[in-house]
PDB file of N, CA and C in Angstrom:
ATOM      1  N   MET A   1       0.092 -10.996   5.005  1.00  0.00           N
ATOM      2  CA  MET A   1      -0.162 -11.670   3.700  1.00  0.00           C
ATOM      3  C   MET A   1       1.109 -12.262   3.128  1.00  0.00           C
ATOM      4  N   GLY A   2       2.257 -11.757   3.585  1.00  0.00           N
ATOM      5  CA  GLY A   2       3.559 -12.187   3.044  1.00  0.00           C
ATOM      6  C   GLY A   2       3.833 -11.643   1.642  1.00  0.00           C
ATOM      7  N   PHE A   3       3.104 -10.683   1.214  1.00  0.00           N
ATOM      8  CA  PHE A   3       3.287 -10.118  -0.083  1.00  0.00           C
ATOM      9  C   PHE A   3       4.665  -9.443  -0.237  1.00  0.00           C
ATOM     10  N   PHE A   4       5.401  -9.742  -1.307  1.00  0.00           N
ATOM     11  CA  PHE A   4       6.719  -9.213  -1.543  1.00  0.00           C
ATOM     12  C   PHE A   4       7.730  -9.510  -0.411  1.00  0.00           C
ATOM     13  N   GLY A   5       7.331 -10.296   0.590  1.00  0.00           N
ATOM     14  CA  GLY A   5       8.205 -10.687   1.632  1.00  0.00           C
ATOM     15  C   GLY A   5       8.513  -9.597   2.658  1.00  0.00           C
ATOM     16  N   PHE A   6       7.722  -8.549   2.683  1.00  0.00           N
ATOM     17  CA  PHE A   6       7.928  -7.493   3.680  1.00  0.00           C
ATOM     18  C   PHE A   6       7.457  -7.968   5.050  1.00  0.00           C
ATOM     19  N   ASN A   7       8.033  -7.393   6.062  1.00  0.00           N
ATOM     20  CA  ASN A   7       7.539  -7.539   7.445  1.00  0.00           C
ATOM     21  C   ASN A   7       6.506  -6.448   7.746  1.00  0.00           C
ATOM     22  N   LYS A   8       5.434  -6.852   8.473  1.00  0.00           N
ATOM     23  CA  LYS A   8       4.479  -5.830   8.898  1.00  0.00           C
ATOM     24  C   LYS A   8       5.105  -4.768   9.751  1.00  0.00           C
ATOM     25  N   GLN A   9       6.114  -5.170  10.530  1.00  0.00           N
ATOM     26  CA  GLN A   9       6.715  -4.287  11.552  1.00  0.00           C
ATOM     27  C   GLN A   9       7.820  -3.368  10.904  1.00  0.00           C
ATOM     28  N   SER A  10       8.089  -3.441   9.637  1.00  0.00           N
ATOM     29  CA  SER A  10       9.147  -2.683   9.040  1.00  0.00           C
ATOM     30  C   SER A  10       8.897  -1.209   9.149  1.00  0.00           C
ATOM     31  N   SER A  11       9.833  -0.478   9.739  1.00  0.00           N
ATOM     32  CA  SER A  11       9.790   0.986   9.914  1.00  0.00           C
ATOM     33  C   SER A  11       8.513   1.448  10.542  1.00  0.00           C
ATOM     34  N   GLY A  12       7.867   0.667  11.394  1.00  0.00           N
ATOM     35  CA  GLY A  12       6.775   1.039  12.194  1.00  0.00           C
ATOM     36  C   GLY A  12       5.461   1.216  11.470  1.00  0.00           C
ATOM     37  N   HIS A  13       5.463   0.927  10.136  1.00  0.00           N
ATOM     38  CA  HIS A  13       4.200   1.056   9.411  1.00  0.00           C
ATOM     39  C   HIS A  13       3.512  -0.265   9.242  1.00  0.00           C
ATOM     40  N   ASP A  14       2.237  -0.313   9.195  1.00  0.00           N
ATOM     41  CA  ASP A  14       1.506  -1.536   9.001  1.00  0.00           C
ATOM     42  C   ASP A  14       1.405  -1.760   7.512  1.00  0.00           C
ATOM     43  N   MET A  15       2.348  -2.594   7.013  1.00  0.00           N
ATOM     44  CA  MET A  15       2.415  -2.774   5.548  1.00  0.00           C
ATOM     45  C   MET A  15       1.208  -3.496   4.958  1.00  0.00           C
ATOM     46  N   SER A  16       0.554  -4.286   5.795  1.00  0.00           N
ATOM     47  CA  SER A  16      -0.601  -5.025   5.292  1.00  0.00           C
ATOM     48  C   SER A  16      -1.718  -4.106   4.798  1.00  0.00           C
ATOM     49  N   SER A  17      -1.774  -2.888   5.367  1.00  0.00           N
ATOM     50  CA  SER A  17      -2.815  -1.957   4.923  1.00  0.00           C
ATOM     51  C   SER A  17      -2.515  -1.521   3.489  1.00  0.00           C
ATOM     52  N   TYR A  18      -1.228  -1.403   3.148  1.00  0.00           N
ATOM     53  CA  TYR A  18      -0.847  -1.083   1.811  1.00  0.00           C
ATOM     54  C   TYR A  18      -1.134  -2.243   0.827  1.00  0.00           C
ATOM     55  N   TYR A  19      -0.963  -3.463   1.314  1.00  0.00           N
ATOM     56  CA  TYR A  19      -1.249  -4.622   0.468  1.00  0.00           C
ATOM     57  C   TYR A  19      -2.708  -4.650   0.134  1.00  0.00           C
ATOM     58  N   HIS A  20      -3.583  -4.448   1.146  1.00  0.00           N
ATOM     59  CA  HIS A  20      -5.036  -4.484   0.930  1.00  0.00           C
ATOM     60  C   HIS A  20      -5.468  -3.327  -0.014  1.00  0.00           C
ATOM     61  N   ALA A  21      -4.817  -2.180   0.147  1.00  0.00           N
ATOM     62  CA  ALA A  21      -5.066  -1.035  -0.726  1.00  0.00           C
ATOM     63  C   ALA A  21      -4.638  -1.333  -2.159  1.00  0.00           C
ATOM     64  N   LEU A  22      -3.472  -1.939  -2.275  1.00  0.00           N
ATOM     65  CA  LEU A  22      -2.946  -2.277  -3.606  1.00  0.00           C
ATOM     66  C   LEU A  22      -3.822  -3.250  -4.298  1.00  0.00           C
ATOM     67  N   ILE A  23      -4.244  -4.312  -3.566  1.00  0.00           N
ATOM     68  CA  ILE A  23      -5.146  -5.315  -4.150  1.00  0.00           C
ATOM     69  C   ILE A  23      -6.450  -4.699  -4.550  1.00  0.00           C
ATOM     70  N   TYR A  24      -6.975  -3.837  -3.683  1.00  0.00           N
ATOM     71  CA  TYR A  24      -8.210  -3.130  -4.008  1.00  0.00           C
ATOM     72  C   TYR A  24      -8.098  -2.315  -5.311  1.00  0.00           C
ATOM     73  N   VAL A  25      -7.006  -1.584  -5.428  1.00  0.00           N
ATOM     74  CA  VAL A  25      -6.746  -0.806  -6.632  1.00  0.00           C
ATOM     75  C   VAL A  25      -6.694  -1.676  -7.904  1.00  0.00           C
ATOM     76  N   LEU A  26      -5.970  -2.792  -7.720  1.00  0.00           N
ATOM     77  CA  LEU A  26      -5.787  -3.665  -8.852  1.00  0.00           C
ATOM     78  C   LEU A  26      -7.135  -4.298  -9.269  1.00  0.00           C
ATOM     79  N   GLN A  27      -8.045  -4.504  -8.306  1.00  0.00           N
ATOM     80  CA  GLN A  27      -9.338  -5.032  -8.612  1.00  0.00           C
ATOM     81  C   GLN A  27     -10.230  -3.990  -9.275  1.00  0.00           C
ATOM     82  N   THR A  28     -10.186  -2.744  -8.775  1.00  0.00           N
ATOM     83  CA  THR A  28     -11.003  -1.695  -9.330  1.00  0.00           C
ATOM     84  C   THR A  28     -10.422  -1.035 -10.537  1.00  0.00           C
ATOM     85  N   GLN A  29      -9.081  -1.034 -10.622  1.00  0.00           N
ATOM     86  CA  GLN A  29      -8.335  -0.309 -11.657  1.00  0.00           C
ATOM     87  C   GLN A  29      -8.717   1.145 -11.664  1.00  0.00           C
ATOM     88  N   ASN A  30      -8.922   1.726 -10.528  1.00  0.00           N
ATOM     89  CA  ASN A  30      -9.333   3.139 -10.473  1.00  0.00           C
ATOM     90  C   ASN A  30      -8.119   3.992 -10.299  1.00  0.00           C
ATOM     91  N   ILE A  31      -7.828   4.807 -11.300  1.00  0.00           N
ATOM     92  CA  ILE A  31      -6.612   5.562 -11.387  1.00  0.00           C
ATOM     93  C   ILE A  31      -6.573   6.703 -10.224  1.00  0.00           C
ATOM     94  N   PHE A  32      -7.749   7.122  -9.865  1.00  0.00           N
ATOM     95  CA  PHE A  32      -7.808   8.174  -8.823  1.00  0.00           C
ATOM     96  C   PHE A  32      -7.436   7.551  -7.432  1.00  0.00           C
ATOM     97  N   ILE A  33      -7.997   6.396  -7.152  1.00  0.00           N
ATOM     98  CA  ILE A  33      -7.658   5.649  -5.917  1.00  0.00           C
ATOM     99  C   ILE A  33      -6.136   5.342  -5.937  1.00  0.00           C
ATOM    100  N   MET A  34      -5.649   4.864  -7.056  1.00  0.00           N
ATOM    101  CA  MET A  34      -4.277   4.512  -7.240  1.00  0.00           C
ATOM    102  C   MET A  34      -3.350   5.726  -6.903  1.00  0.00           C
ATOM    103  N   ALA A  35      -3.698   6.872  -7.461  1.00  0.00           N
ATOM    104  CA  ALA A  35      -2.933   8.064  -7.225  1.00  0.00           C
ATOM    105  C   ALA A  35      -2.930   8.463  -5.737  1.00  0.00           C
ATOM    106  N   CYS A  36      -4.084   8.330  -5.106  1.00  0.00           N
ATOM    107  CA  CYS A  36      -4.187   8.637  -3.716  1.00  0.00           C
ATOM    108  C   CYS A  36      -3.382   7.705  -2.871  1.00  0.00           C
ATOM    109  N   ILE A  37      -3.341   6.393  -3.096  1.00  0.00           N
ATOM    110  CA  ILE A  37      -2.596   5.433  -2.387  1.00  0.00           C
ATOM    111  C   ILE A  37      -1.117   5.742  -2.548  1.00  0.00           C
ATOM    112  N   ILE A  38      -0.695   5.983  -3.778  1.00  0.00           N
ATOM    113  CA  ILE A  38       0.736   6.242  -4.055  1.00  0.00           C
ATOM    114  C   ILE A  38       1.170   7.521  -3.300  1.00  0.00           C
ATOM    115  N   THR A  39       0.327   8.550  -3.335  1.00  0.00           N
ATOM    116  CA  THR A  39       0.663   9.739  -2.623  1.00  0.00           C
ATOM    117  C   THR A  39       0.859   9.530  -1.112  1.00  0.00           C
ATOM    118  N   GLN A  40      -0.114   8.804  -0.525  1.00  0.00           N
ATOM    119  CA  GLN A  40      -0.024   8.497   0.895  1.00  0.00           C
ATOM    120  C   GLN A  40       1.201   7.661   1.223  1.00  0.00           C
ATOM    121  N   PHE A  41       1.491   6.705   0.394  1.00  0.00           N
ATOM    122  CA  PHE A  41       2.639   5.850   0.580  1.00  0.00           C
ATOM    123  C   PHE A  41       3.934   6.653   0.549  1.00  0.00           C
ATOM    124  N   CYS A  42       4.062   7.525  -0.489  1.00  0.00           N
ATOM    125  CA  CYS A  42       5.267   8.305  -0.625  1.00  0.00           C
ATOM    126  C   CYS A  42       5.435   9.275   0.563  1.00  0.00           C
ATOM    127  N   LYS A  43       4.361   9.858   1.088  1.00  0.00           N
ATOM    128  CA  LYS A  43       4.402  10.683   2.259  1.00  0.00           C
ATOM    129  C   LYS A  43       4.897   9.934   3.469  1.00  0.00           C
ATOM    130  N   SER A  44       4.471   8.691   3.594  1.00  0.00           N
ATOM    131  CA  SER A  44       4.761   7.899   4.800  1.00  0.00           C
ATOM    132  C   SER A  44       6.226   7.421   4.815  1.00  0.00           C
ATOM    133  N   ILE A  45       6.828   7.258   3.672  1.00  0.00           N
ATOM    134  CA  ILE A  45       8.273   6.762   3.646  1.00  0.00           C
ATOM    135  C   ILE A  45       9.249   7.896   3.441  1.00  0.00           C
ATOM    136  N   SER A  46       8.794   9.139   3.228  1.00  0.00           N
ATOM    137  CA  SER A  46       9.711  10.222   3.006  1.00  0.00           C
ATOM    138  C   SER A  46      10.350  10.671   4.320  1.00  0.00           C
TER     139      SER A  46
END
């Protein structure tokens, strides 16, 4: 998607899945989904 200018291949993670998740969260504005996504993202980059 070219979102934020990241490469899909950066650090071996498929960043596009995070973009889709982020867009989904922004559309639904569901705080529980958002918390889950953030938690998973933080685990993956730690």
